[in-house]
């Protein structure tokens, strides 16, 4: 069994251990990724993308929790003015499974998290001056099917239902080799996510 295939069974085990205690939290989240690719000769978090999915958390100890999410996340990079005088956009869409340890400030409001995420590539595309050149661009160097990321986040809980936060994530290793790069030829995803979350499980507490 591959390492990423262990995430869901572990998560389900924790759910089974905690459901009877009425401590399981679940909800939905949506936000915007601001992304770039380290190693594509372009800097800046210039490409927006969707980040949305389901979230859950179970307590580990006082003020600590284990969070698991299933997200659809759009990454990539774009430039409307390059040194060559043309614009391009790289699209990478992933089904992601972040697993984070979270600390909740006992004074209330703030939450901090750290962990890792496994992303399964769903779609990739390259356009140049709005022309689809995917087959040409990826002909000899296709991206990996999986991308593993470091994840750090901070959020603020406004009430029992709503929260908002910011998340930083970056590839642990190269997801694609680009021989045309002038700098780092091992490409890495790098993104900042602004998002809001809704915990519907709190509506059913006794």
Foldseek 3Di string as FASTA:
>chain_A
DDPVVVVVVVVVVLCVVCVVVLFKWKWKKKWKKQKEKPQPQDDDSHDIWIKIWMKMWGADDVQKIKIKIWIWIKYWDWDCQDPVGKIKTKIWIWGKIWIWMKGADPVAWKMKIWGKMKTFTDDIWMDINNHTPRCVQPVPKHFARIFMKTKIWMKTDPDPFKIWIKMWMKTPWARIAAPPGPPDRRMMMTIMITMMITTCSVVPDD
